[in-house]
Amino acid sequence: MATASVAFKSREDHRKQIELEEARKAGLAPAEVDEDGKEINPHIPQYMSSAPWYLNSEKPSLKHQRKWKSDPNYTKSWYDRGAKIFQAEKYRKGACQNCGAMTHNAKACMDRPRKVGAQYTNKNIAPDEKIESFELDYDGKRDRWNGYDPSTYHRVIDLYEAKEDARKKYLKEQQLKKLEEKNNNEKGDDATSDGEEEEDDLRVDEAKVDESRQMDFAKVEKRVRTTGGGSTGTVRNLRIREDTAKYLLNLDVNSAHYDPKTRSMREDPLPDADPNDKFYLGDNQYRNSGQALEFKQLNIHSWEAFDKGQDMHMQAAPSQAELLYKSFQVAKEKLKSQTKDTIMDKYGNAATEDEIPMELLLGQSERQVEYDRAGRIIKGQEVILPKSKYEEDVHANNHTSVWGSYWKDHQWGYKCCQQIIRNSYCTGSAGIEAAEAALDLMKANIARKEASEESPKKVEEKRMASWGTDIPEDLELNEEALANALKKEDLSRREEKDERKRKYNVKYNNDVTPEEMEAYRMKRVHHEDPMKDFLG
């Protein structure tokens, strides 16, 4: 029943109302009629047929389900661009001081600022523009194609057709030129095969993009657009469609494994490539650096704390886990500094500037010891030197010094005979003289062998003048052409850095002059050069 006002009904009236609705649904009773005389479908649910209380509808109706609000006079028209309504001959009071139009002021004037405004010259008074105001609906305000004239698109079509015709005409002229050269040249079948290859070379693929420009997609952008229109910090730019997928960086089957389910590649796909040219180093590189390492330490701390009986869970309460981890680090640093201070208080610190006590410096004490002329002790007790568990001052194999008293060429030995073989028999000064004589003889033999060998021929370094050719000795470069080539190389490098400046129709020329090759050689980056980061 499509009634809005719900009045109090007795149990009998409510029972009759339900029976009437069931009869209407069964088709035994006529359907209910609204205020316009239209029948109301009895199968409509009550929550849809009941009108809100604030509409105060006395009769059953489905008007609240329709667009019952009156629509304003919305329009689909658009501004008449460039329309003028009146052309004045003299300046009028209140008009624009620059151009003389009444429809705007000098601040909003779109004409070129005149040296002397129309207010003083009364010349070239601009006509008044046609000012219109439309009341657009919700969709009209947000329609970006509102006011667009589809008939103007034929200019774009004509432009592309003209370019296509010019390209076909150029290819046809080139083919006719090659055909004439072929007819004039009498080489038989060889000329025919060469002509077919040259015709294939004339077919230019306009969709091919220079590979050097695609390398710019792997760089790190410092601006990322956000929903609020701002920018975030320095982040790695998101992968775009032109970027190479990481599983296509190295097509070798024995390279880094790629898991298509998790889209992960743990190892570096190009381990031997230059690090300056790589933008992807594997997932393990990102997991073991930056905040990922700190997050791993936080997880380990939460697990260990939970195993020791502390009520702590990283996923359930991450803020609590991070706060406890920070407090743990503070307590750990405090305990470490406390332990350090305890050790320094007990044993002292040799790095401090405190003066060493005289008793420790000179080894003086109150103990008195008397000696006779032979050095024997008469009164007192001899100072007992502390001994370790290791053997000391043990001379084996007729040596007069211990092992480790001699050092030469990163090897230990005996000082008495300068031997570097452990447990060898001491040869004394005679062994030292024999070793020196053998060393002098070996040096003399090496010098004699070097003198007898012929000096190697110097390999002349070949510099490339152009692609695939050697530089002749009498090559002279034009300084003006070289300067222009350097400017052109700098301009091309700046255009490659900003991908948005790449034009749609790019013409390439494969003819490289010696000046352009020299400019490329001067501007290219030498990765093995330690000063490459300071080059402009």
Protein backbone atom coordinates (compact mmCIF):
# COMPACT_ATOMS: atom_id res chain seq x y z
CA MET A 1 0.00 0.00 0.00
CA ALA A 2 1.44 3.33 -1.10
CA THR A 3 0.42 5.43 1.87
CA ALA A 4 2.71 7.80 3.70
CA SER A 5 0.97 8.82 6.92
CA VAL A 6 0.87 5.89 9.30
CA ALA A 7 -2.19 6.28 11.57
CA PHE A 8 -3.11 4.05 14.46
CA LYS A 9 -5.10 0.99 13.37
CA SER A 10 -6.87 -1.55 15.45
CA ARG A 11 -6.17 -5.22 15.20
CA GLU A 12 -9.29 -5.76 13.07
CA ASP A 13 -8.39 -2.95 10.66
CA HIS A 14 -4.86 -4.28 10.35
CA ARG A 15 -6.19 -7.77 9.56
CA LYS A 16 -8.52 -6.37 6.89
CA GLN A 17 -5.65 -4.39 5.37
CA ILE A 18 -3.51 -7.50 5.06
CA GLU A 19 -6.38 -9.48 3.51
CA LEU A 20 -6.96 -6.67 0.98
CA GLU A 21 -3.28 -6.62 -0.02
CA GLU A 22 -3.26 -10.40 -0.50
CA ALA A 23 -6.44 -10.18 -2.62
CA ARG A 24 -4.83 -7.48 -4.77
CA LYS A 25 -1.71 -9.59 -5.25
CA ALA A 26 -3.88 -12.57 -6.23
CA GLY A 27 -5.87 -10.43 -8.69
CA LEU A 28 -9.22 -10.83 -6.80
CA ALA A 29 -9.40 -7.13 -5.92
CA PRO A 30 -8.72 -4.10 -8.11
CA ALA A 31 -5.29 -2.45 -7.75
CA GLU A 32 -4.86 0.70 -5.73
CA VAL A 33 -4.98 3.99 -7.67
CA ASP A 34 -2.76 6.98 -6.94
CA GLU A 35 -3.71 10.64 -7.06
CA ASP A 36 -3.06 10.82 -10.82
CA GLY A 37 -5.40 7.91 -11.53
CA LYS A 38 -2.62 5.40 -12.26
CA GLU A 39 -2.72 1.92 -10.84
CA ILE A 40 -0.09 0.92 -8.29
CA ASN A 41 1.50 -2.48 -8.65
CA PRO A 42 0.52 -4.47 -5.52
CA HIS A 43 3.77 -6.46 -5.66
CA ILE A 44 5.89 -3.38 -4.90
CA PRO A 45 7.46 -3.79 -1.42
CA GLN A 46 6.23 -1.57 1.37
CA TYR A 47 9.61 0.06 1.95
CA MET A 48 9.47 1.34 -1.63
CA SER A 49 5.79 2.28 -1.78
CA SER A 50 5.72 4.08 1.59
CA ALA A 51 6.43 7.78 1.23
CA PRO A 52 8.67 9.59 3.77
CA TRP A 53 6.89 11.30 6.61
CA TYR A 54 8.16 14.77 5.71
CA LEU A 55 6.31 14.75 2.36
CA ASN A 56 2.92 14.73 4.16
CA SER A 57 1.19 12.83 1.36
CA GLU A 58 -2.46 12.14 2.17
CA LYS A 59 -3.18 9.84 -0.77
CA PRO A 60 -1.30 6.75 -1.96
CA SER A 61 1.26 7.63 -4.58
CA LEU A 62 4.59 6.64 -6.03
CA LYS A 63 5.54 10.23 -6.74
CA HIS A 64 8.38 10.13 -4.21
CA GLN A 65 10.08 7.43 -6.31
CA ARG A 66 10.10 9.65 -9.39
CA LYS A 67 11.99 12.86 -10.03
CA TRP A 68 9.46 14.96 -8.17
CA LYS A 69 11.66 18.07 -7.86
CA SER A 70 11.08 20.69 -10.52
CA ASP A 71 14.01 20.96 -12.93
CA PRO A 72 15.45 24.43 -13.54
CA ASN A 73 15.94 25.70 -17.04
CA TYR A 74 19.16 23.86 -17.80
CA THR A 75 20.68 24.42 -21.20
CA LYS A 76 22.99 22.47 -23.48
CA SER A 77 24.28 25.51 -25.38
CA TRP A 78 27.75 26.96 -25.05
CA TYR A 79 29.50 30.28 -25.28
CA ASP A 80 29.62 32.03 -28.65
CA ARG A 81 33.36 32.41 -28.95
CA GLY A 82 34.67 35.59 -30.49
CA ALA A 83 31.21 37.19 -30.89
CA LYS A 84 31.06 41.00 -30.75
CA ILE A 85 27.93 43.04 -29.97
CA PHE A 86 28.89 46.71 -30.34
CA GLN A 87 31.73 48.71 -31.90
CA ALA A 88 32.23 52.14 -30.31
CA GLU A 89 34.02 55.01 -32.00
CA LYS A 90 34.98 56.99 -28.89
CA TYR A 91 36.08 56.06 -25.43
CA ARG A 92 33.26 55.61 -22.94
CA LYS A 93 33.42 56.24 -19.25
CA GLY A 94 33.93 53.01 -17.28
CA ALA A 95 35.40 51.12 -20.24
CA CYS A 96 38.77 49.35 -20.35
CA GLN A 97 41.59 51.90 -20.22
CA ASN A 98 43.74 49.77 -22.53
CA CYS A 99 41.44 48.71 -25.40
CA GLY A 100 38.19 50.67 -24.73
CA ALA A 101 35.74 47.73 -24.41
CA MET A 102 32.93 48.04 -21.84
CA THR A 103 32.77 44.34 -20.97
CA HIS A 104 35.98 44.18 -18.88
CA ASN A 105 38.47 46.38 -17.06
CA ALA A 106 42.16 46.99 -17.70
CA LYS A 107 43.23 44.28 -15.28
CA ALA A 108 41.30 41.56 -17.13
CA CYS A 109 42.13 42.85 -20.64
CA MET A 110 43.51 40.14 -22.94
CA ASP A 111 44.84 42.54 -25.61
CA ARG A 112 48.45 43.59 -25.89
CA PRO A 113 49.25 46.44 -23.44
CA ARG A 114 49.35 49.61 -25.49
CA LYS A 115 51.97 52.27 -25.00
CA VAL A 116 49.19 54.85 -24.77
CA GLY A 117 45.80 53.44 -23.85
CA ALA A 118 42.53 53.99 -25.70
CA GLN A 119 41.41 56.24 -22.82
CA TYR A 120 43.77 58.96 -24.09
CA THR A 121 43.98 58.28 -27.83
CA ASN A 122 40.29 57.48 -28.70
CA LYS A 123 41.63 55.28 -31.48
CA ASN A 124 41.23 51.59 -32.30
CA ILE A 125 38.45 51.09 -29.77
CA ALA A 126 37.93 47.36 -29.28
CA PRO A 127 34.37 46.01 -29.74
CA ASP A 128 32.39 44.78 -26.75
CA GLU A 129 32.39 41.05 -26.25
CA LYS A 130 29.28 39.00 -25.97
CA ILE A 131 28.84 38.07 -22.31
CA GLU A 132 26.74 34.97 -21.69
CA SER A 133 25.86 33.02 -18.55
CA PHE A 134 24.45 29.50 -18.60
CA GLU A 135 22.95 27.44 -15.84
CA LEU A 136 24.36 24.00 -16.44
CA ASP A 137 23.25 20.81 -14.74
CA TYR A 138 25.52 18.39 -12.86
CA ASP A 139 26.70 16.58 -15.98
CA GLY A 140 27.05 19.76 -18.01
CA LYS A 141 29.46 21.29 -15.53
CA ARG A 142 31.69 18.22 -15.70
CA ASP A 143 31.50 17.53 -19.44
CA ARG A 144 34.97 18.27 -20.82
CA TRP A 145 33.69 18.01 -24.39
CA ASN A 146 30.99 20.63 -23.83
CA GLY A 147 31.22 23.23 -26.60
CA TYR A 148 33.47 21.11 -28.82
CA ASP A 149 32.79 21.32 -32.53
CA PRO A 150 33.36 17.89 -34.15
CA SER A 151 33.62 19.46 -37.60
CA THR A 152 37.04 20.92 -36.71
CA TYR A 153 38.58 17.44 -36.51
CA HIS A 154 38.89 17.29 -40.30
CA ARG A 155 41.97 19.55 -39.98
CA VAL A 156 43.80 16.81 -38.06
CA ILE A 157 42.76 14.23 -40.64
CA ASP A 158 43.91 16.44 -43.52
CA LEU A 159 47.28 16.98 -41.83
CA TYR A 160 47.94 13.25 -41.44
CA GLU A 161 46.79 12.53 -44.97
CA ALA A 162 49.14 15.19 -46.34
CA LYS A 163 52.06 13.65 -44.46
CA GLU A 164 51.19 10.20 -45.74
CA ASP A 165 50.96 11.46 -49.34
CA ALA A 166 54.33 13.20 -49.03
CA ARG A 167 55.92 10.04 -47.66
CA LYS A 168 54.53 7.90 -50.49
CA LYS A 169 55.65 10.46 -53.06
CA TYR A 170 59.18 10.48 -51.62
CA LEU A 171 59.38 6.68 -51.66
CA LYS A 172 58.13 6.57 -55.23
CA GLU A 173 60.75 9.10 -56.36
CA GLN A 174 63.48 7.09 -54.66
CA GLN A 175 62.28 3.89 -56.33
CA LEU A 176 62.22 5.56 -59.77
CA LYS A 177 65.70 6.90 -59.18
CA LYS A 178 67.01 3.47 -58.25
CA LEU A 179 65.24 1.95 -61.26
CA GLU A 180 66.94 4.38 -63.63
CA GLU A 181 70.34 3.59 -62.13
CA LYS A 182 69.54 -0.10 -62.47
CA ASN A 183 68.68 0.25 -66.18
CA ASN A 184 71.86 2.20 -66.85
CA ASN A 185 74.02 -0.30 -65.01
CA GLU A 186 74.68 -3.52 -66.89
CA LYS A 187 75.53 -6.03 -64.22
CA GLY A 188 73.00 -8.73 -64.88
CA ASP A 189 71.58 -10.73 -62.02
CA ASP A 190 73.85 -9.17 -59.41
CA ALA A 191 72.37 -5.78 -60.13
CA THR A 192 68.84 -7.22 -59.81
CA SER A 193 69.50 -8.71 -56.37
CA ASP A 194 71.19 -5.50 -55.19
CA GLY A 195 68.22 -3.45 -56.35
CA GLU A 196 65.75 -5.58 -54.41
CA GLU A 197 67.80 -5.17 -51.24
CA GLU A 198 67.94 -1.41 -51.72
CA GLU A 199 64.16 -1.27 -52.22
CA ASP A 200 63.68 -3.08 -48.93
CA ASP A 201 65.95 -0.54 -47.22
CA LEU A 202 63.69 2.28 -48.41
CA ARG A 203 60.77 1.02 -46.38
CA VAL A 204 60.99 3.06 -43.21
CA ASP A 205 59.23 1.89 -40.07
CA GLU A 206 57.82 5.08 -38.58
CA ALA A 207 56.74 3.31 -35.39
CA LYS A 208 60.31 2.43 -34.46
CA VAL A 209 61.61 4.42 -31.49
CA ASP A 210 65.21 5.19 -30.78
CA GLU A 211 66.56 2.83 -28.12
CA SER A 212 68.62 5.56 -26.54
CA ARG A 213 65.43 7.38 -25.58
CA GLN A 214 63.94 4.34 -23.93
CA MET A 215 66.84 4.22 -21.45
CA ASP A 216 65.41 7.33 -19.78
CA PHE A 217 62.52 5.33 -18.33
CA ALA A 218 64.81 3.62 -15.76
CA LYS A 219 65.78 6.81 -13.97
CA VAL A 220 64.68 7.91 -10.54
CA GLU A 221 62.12 10.70 -10.59
CA LYS A 222 61.96 13.14 -7.70
CA ARG A 223 58.30 14.06 -8.21
CA VAL A 224 55.30 11.78 -7.95
CA ARG A 225 51.81 13.11 -8.53
CA THR A 226 49.40 12.57 -5.67
CA THR A 227 45.67 12.98 -5.28
CA GLY A 228 46.12 16.28 -3.47
CA GLY A 229 48.20 17.76 -6.25
CA GLY A 230 51.38 17.86 -4.17
CA SER A 231 54.51 15.80 -4.40
CA THR A 232 56.28 13.28 -2.26
CA GLY A 233 59.98 12.92 -1.59
CA THR A 234 62.63 11.18 -3.62
CA VAL A 235 61.17 7.83 -4.65
CA ARG A 236 61.68 5.35 -7.43
CA ASN A 237 59.23 6.03 -10.19
CA LEU A 238 56.51 3.50 -10.86
CA ARG A 239 57.03 1.09 -13.74
CA ILE A 240 55.33 2.23 -16.94
CA ARG A 241 54.39 0.27 -20.00
CA GLU A 242 57.46 1.33 -21.96
CA ASP A 243 59.75 0.06 -19.20
CA THR A 244 61.32 -3.36 -19.57
CA ALA A 245 59.92 -6.02 -17.25
CA LYS A 246 62.47 -7.50 -14.86
CA TYR A 247 62.03 -11.01 -16.25
CA LEU A 248 63.05 -9.71 -19.70
CA LEU A 249 66.31 -8.08 -18.57
CA ASN A 250 68.23 -11.33 -19.00
CA LEU A 251 66.77 -14.09 -21.18
CA ASP A 252 69.38 -16.65 -20.18
CA VAL A 253 67.76 -19.73 -18.62
CA ASN A 254 70.57 -19.94 -16.04
CA SER A 255 70.14 -16.35 -14.87
CA ALA A 256 68.16 -15.16 -11.84
CA HIS A 257 65.00 -17.17 -11.18
CA TYR A 258 61.68 -15.36 -11.62
CA ASP A 259 58.59 -16.59 -9.75
CA PRO A 260 55.49 -15.62 -11.77
CA LYS A 261 53.10 -16.32 -8.91
CA THR A 262 54.64 -13.84 -6.48
CA ARG A 263 56.26 -11.71 -9.25
CA SER A 264 59.56 -11.83 -7.39
CA MET A 265 63.14 -12.10 -8.60
CA ARG A 266 65.46 -12.37 -5.62
CA GLU A 267 68.84 -12.29 -7.38
CA ASP A 268 70.31 -9.68 -9.70
CA PRO A 269 69.47 -10.53 -13.35
CA LEU A 270 72.53 -8.62 -14.64
CA PRO A 271 75.33 -9.13 -12.09
CA ASP A 272 78.14 -8.26 -14.54
CA ALA A 273 76.60 -5.04 -15.87
CA ASP A 274 77.67 -1.54 -14.89
CA PRO A 275 75.92 -0.54 -11.60
CA ASN A 276 75.41 3.00 -12.94
CA ASP A 277 73.30 1.69 -15.82
CA LYS A 278 71.13 -0.67 -13.77
CA PHE A 279 67.87 0.39 -12.12
CA TYR A 280 66.93 -3.06 -10.76
CA LEU A 281 69.30 -5.06 -8.54
CA GLY A 282 66.98 -7.82 -7.34
CA ASP A 283 64.51 -8.07 -4.47
CA ASN A 284 67.20 -9.08 -1.98
CA GLN A 285 68.93 -5.73 -2.49
CA TYR A 286 65.81 -3.89 -1.33
CA ARG A 287 65.13 -6.31 1.53
CA ASN A 288 68.58 -5.85 3.03
CA SER A 289 68.77 -2.07 2.87
CA GLY A 290 66.90 0.96 4.14
CA GLN A 291 63.85 0.65 6.37
CA ALA A 292 63.30 -2.99 5.40
CA LEU A 293 66.26 -3.99 7.58
CA GLU A 294 64.89 -2.00 10.53
CA PHE A 295 61.49 -3.64 10.08
CA LYS A 296 63.15 -7.06 10.07
CA GLN A 297 64.91 -6.29 13.36
CA LEU A 298 61.60 -5.13 14.83
CA ASN A 299 59.94 -8.43 13.85
CA ILE A 300 62.77 -10.48 15.35
CA HIS A 301 62.55 -8.52 18.61
CA SER A 302 58.77 -9.06 18.83
CA TRP A 303 59.17 -12.81 18.24
CA GLU A 304 61.88 -13.19 20.88
CA ALA A 305 59.88 -11.13 23.38
CA PHE A 306 56.79 -13.26 22.79
CA ASP A 307 58.80 -16.47 23.30
CA LYS A 308 60.07 -15.13 26.62
CA GLY A 309 56.50 -14.68 27.89
CA GLN A 310 55.84 -11.01 27.10
CA ASP A 311 52.38 -10.17 25.73
CA MET A 312 53.53 -8.64 22.42
CA HIS A 313 52.41 -9.18 18.84
CA MET A 314 53.67 -7.29 15.78
CA GLN A 315 50.53 -7.70 13.65
CA ALA A 316 47.96 -7.25 16.43
CA ALA A 317 49.54 -4.18 18.06
CA PRO A 318 52.27 -2.71 15.82
CA SER A 319 52.46 0.59 17.71
CA GLN A 320 52.98 -1.19 21.01
CA ALA A 321 55.66 -3.42 19.46
CA GLU A 322 57.54 -0.45 18.03
CA LEU A 323 57.37 1.44 21.33
CA LEU A 324 58.69 -1.57 23.28
CA TYR A 325 61.47 -2.02 20.71
CA LYS A 326 62.55 1.60 21.11
CA SER A 327 62.54 1.29 24.90
CA PHE A 328 64.57 -1.93 24.57
CA GLN A 329 67.18 -0.14 22.46
CA VAL A 330 67.43 2.70 24.99
CA ALA A 331 67.87 0.23 27.86
CA LYS A 332 70.46 -1.70 25.85
CA GLU A 333 72.53 1.41 25.15
CA LYS A 334 72.27 2.44 28.81
CA LEU A 335 73.46 -0.99 29.98
CA LYS A 336 76.33 -0.94 27.48
CA SER A 337 77.51 2.49 28.67
CA GLN A 338 77.14 1.39 32.30
CA THR A 339 79.30 -1.70 31.69
CA LYS A 340 81.91 0.44 29.94
CA ASP A 341 82.04 2.87 32.86
CA THR A 342 82.42 0.00 35.34
CA ILE A 343 85.38 -1.45 33.43
CA MET A 344 87.03 1.97 33.13
CA ASP A 345 86.58 2.63 36.85
CA LYS A 346 88.16 -0.71 37.70
CA TYR A 347 91.05 -0.86 35.22
CA GLY A 348 91.40 2.76 34.17
CA ASN A 349 91.62 4.28 30.72
CA ALA A 350 94.96 4.76 29.03
CA ALA A 351 93.44 7.16 26.52
CA THR A 352 92.57 9.75 29.16
CA GLU A 353 94.84 12.66 30.00
CA ASP A 354 95.15 11.76 33.69
CA GLU A 355 98.72 11.58 34.93
CA ILE A 356 100.05 8.10 35.67
CA PRO A 357 101.13 7.63 39.31
CA MET A 358 104.88 7.78 39.91
CA GLU A 359 104.84 4.35 41.56
CA LEU A 360 103.58 2.77 38.34
CA LEU A 361 105.73 4.93 36.08
CA LEU A 362 109.14 4.15 37.66
CA GLY A 363 108.27 0.91 39.37
CA GLN A 364 109.32 2.20 42.82
CA SER A 365 108.22 0.61 46.07
CA GLU A 366 109.16 0.57 49.79
CA ARG A 367 110.80 -2.89 49.54
CA GLN A 368 114.57 -2.76 50.21
CA VAL A 369 117.00 -5.21 48.66
CA GLU A 370 120.85 -5.25 49.21
CA TYR A 371 123.40 -6.81 46.76
CA ASP A 372 127.12 -7.64 47.10
CA ARG A 373 129.89 -6.89 44.58
CA ALA A 374 129.09 -10.04 42.61
CA GLY A 375 125.39 -9.15 42.34
CA ARG A 376 124.17 -11.66 44.84
CA ILE A 377 121.36 -10.73 47.24
CA ILE A 378 122.51 -10.06 50.79
CA LYS A 379 119.33 -8.67 52.34
CA GLY A 380 115.76 -8.72 51.08
CA GLN A 381 113.97 -10.81 48.52
CA GLU A 382 114.48 -10.88 44.79
CA VAL A 383 111.62 -9.65 42.60
CA ILE A 384 109.81 -12.62 41.19
CA LEU A 385 108.80 -12.13 37.59
CA PRO A 386 105.37 -13.57 36.71
CA LYS A 387 105.46 -16.52 34.36
CA SER A 388 102.75 -17.70 31.98
CA LYS A 389 101.75 -21.24 31.13
CA TYR A 390 103.67 -21.03 27.87
CA GLU A 391 107.39 -21.79 27.53
CA GLU A 392 109.64 -18.73 27.44
CA ASP A 393 113.32 -18.25 26.49
CA VAL A 394 113.64 -21.82 25.20
CA HIS A 395 116.42 -22.03 22.60
CA ALA A 396 116.26 -25.19 20.46
CA ASN A 397 118.58 -26.49 17.70
CA ASN A 398 121.58 -24.37 18.74
CA HIS A 399 119.64 -21.09 18.28
CA THR A 400 120.54 -18.11 20.47
CA SER A 401 117.18 -16.34 19.90
CA VAL A 402 113.57 -17.45 20.03
CA TRP A 403 111.22 -18.00 17.11
CA GLY A 404 109.56 -14.74 16.12
CA SER A 405 112.51 -12.44 16.88
CA TYR A 406 113.08 -11.81 13.15
CA TRP A 407 110.62 -10.43 10.54
CA LYS A 408 111.11 -10.09 6.79
CA ASP A 409 108.77 -10.12 3.78
CA HIS A 410 105.70 -10.83 5.97
CA GLN A 411 107.36 -13.93 7.49
CA TRP A 412 108.67 -14.70 11.00
CA GLY A 413 112.06 -16.26 11.72
CA TYR A 414 115.13 -16.50 14.00
CA LYS A 415 117.22 -13.36 14.54
CA CYS A 416 120.47 -15.24 15.14
CA CYS A 417 120.63 -16.84 11.67
CA GLN A 418 117.74 -15.00 9.86
CA GLN A 419 116.08 -18.26 8.86
CA ILE A 420 112.32 -18.30 8.28
CA ILE A 421 111.86 -22.09 8.56
CA ARG A 422 110.53 -23.26 11.91
CA ASN A 423 112.60 -25.86 13.84
CA SER A 424 115.57 -25.43 11.49
CA TYR A 425 119.21 -25.81 12.71
CA CYS A 426 121.04 -22.57 13.41
CA THR A 427 123.74 -21.72 10.87
CA GLY A 428 124.87 -18.46 12.47
CA SER A 429 126.57 -15.66 10.53
CA ALA A 430 127.79 -18.08 7.85
CA GLY A 431 124.20 -18.89 6.91
CA ILE A 432 123.39 -15.17 6.68
CA GLU A 433 126.31 -14.57 4.29
CA ALA A 434 125.33 -17.57 2.14
CA ALA A 435 121.73 -16.36 1.87
CA GLU A 436 122.84 -12.86 0.81
CA ALA A 437 125.17 -14.31 -1.85
CA ALA A 438 122.36 -16.48 -3.27
CA LEU A 439 120.05 -13.45 -3.39
CA ASP A 440 122.62 -11.35 -5.27
CA LEU A 441 123.16 -14.16 -7.79
CA MET A 442 119.42 -14.48 -8.41
CA LYS A 443 119.09 -10.72 -9.00
CA ALA A 444 121.99 -10.79 -11.49
CA ASN A 445 120.38 -13.66 -13.43
CA ILE A 446 117.04 -11.83 -13.62
CA ALA A 447 118.72 -8.64 -14.87
CA ARG A 448 120.65 -10.58 -17.54
CA LYS A 449 117.45 -12.27 -18.75
CA GLU A 450 115.59 -8.98 -19.01
CA ALA A 451 118.42 -7.42 -20.99
CA SER A 452 118.47 -10.29 -23.49
CA GLU A 453 114.78 -10.10 -24.30
CA GLU A 454 113.65 -7.85 -27.11
CA SER A 455 111.47 -4.89 -26.23
CA PRO A 456 107.82 -5.41 -27.37
CA LYS A 457 106.53 -3.39 -30.23
CA LYS A 458 104.31 -0.52 -29.35
CA VAL A 459 100.72 -1.02 -30.41
CA GLU A 460 99.45 2.01 -32.16
CA GLU A 461 96.09 3.16 -30.85
CA LYS A 462 93.51 3.48 -33.56
CA ARG A 463 91.01 6.27 -33.27
CA MET A 464 87.77 6.04 -35.10
CA ALA A 465 86.89 8.90 -37.37
CA SER A 466 83.41 7.68 -38.21
CA TRP A 467 81.30 4.61 -37.69
CA GLY A 468 83.51 1.61 -38.67
CA THR A 469 86.44 3.59 -40.18
CA ASP A 470 89.94 4.55 -38.96
CA ILE A 471 91.16 8.11 -38.54
CA PRO A 472 93.62 9.12 -41.26
CA GLU A 473 96.75 10.94 -40.22
CA ASP A 474 95.90 14.01 -42.31
CA LEU A 475 92.36 14.40 -40.89
CA GLU A 476 91.50 18.03 -40.17
CA LEU A 477 88.41 18.98 -38.18
CA ASN A 478 86.48 22.16 -38.76
CA GLU A 479 86.41 24.08 -35.48
CA GLU A 480 83.09 25.78 -36.24
CA ALA A 481 81.44 22.49 -37.25
CA LEU A 482 82.86 20.82 -34.13
CA ALA A 483 81.38 23.56 -31.90
CA ASN A 484 77.97 23.13 -33.57
CA ALA A 485 78.19 19.37 -33.13
CA LEU A 486 78.94 19.79 -29.41
CA LYS A 487 75.90 22.05 -28.98
CA LYS A 488 73.74 19.57 -30.89
CA GLU A 489 74.99 16.69 -28.68
CA ASP A 490 74.16 18.66 -25.49
CA LEU A 491 70.68 19.47 -26.83
CA SER A 492 69.98 15.82 -27.69
CA ARG A 493 71.09 14.68 -24.24
CA ARG A 494 68.77 17.20 -22.56
CA GLU A 495 65.87 16.05 -24.72
CA GLU A 496 66.56 12.40 -23.82
CA LYS A 497 66.37 13.20 -20.09
CA ASP A 498 62.82 14.60 -20.38
CA GLU A 499 60.60 12.06 -22.13
CA ARG A 500 57.71 14.53 -22.41
CA LYS A 501 59.63 16.59 -24.97
CA ARG A 502 59.83 13.73 -27.43
CA LYS A 503 57.94 14.62 -30.61
CA TYR A 504 55.65 12.30 -32.54
CA ASN A 505 57.33 12.56 -35.93
CA VAL A 506 61.08 12.23 -35.56
CA LYS A 507 63.35 12.14 -38.61
CA TYR A 508 66.66 10.34 -38.27
CA ASN A 509 69.77 10.69 -40.37
CA ASN A 510 72.41 7.98 -40.44
CA ASP A 511 75.10 10.17 -42.05
CA VAL A 512 77.66 10.98 -39.33
CA THR A 513 80.33 13.59 -39.97
CA PRO A 514 83.81 13.41 -38.37
CA GLU A 515 82.94 16.49 -36.29
CA GLU A 516 79.79 14.79 -34.90
CA MET A 517 81.77 11.63 -34.11
CA GLU A 518 84.40 13.67 -32.29
CA ALA A 519 81.66 15.48 -30.31
CA TYR A 520 80.11 12.15 -29.31
CA ARG A 521 83.52 10.82 -28.24
CA MET A 522 84.13 13.94 -26.13
CA LYS A 523 80.71 13.87 -24.46
CA ARG A 524 80.27 10.18 -23.74
CA VAL A 525 80.64 8.89 -20.18
CA HIS A 526 83.69 6.79 -19.33
CA HIS A 527 82.61 4.47 -16.55
CA GLU A 528 86.20 3.53 -15.68
CA ASP A 529 87.17 7.19 -15.25
CA PRO A 530 87.33 8.03 -11.49
CA MET A 531 86.53 11.70 -12.27
CA LYS A 532 83.42 10.97 -14.36
CA ASP A 533 81.09 12.33 -11.65
CA PHE A 534 82.78 15.77 -11.85
CA LEU A 535 82.40 16.13 -15.62
CA GLY A 536 79.78 18.58 -16.83
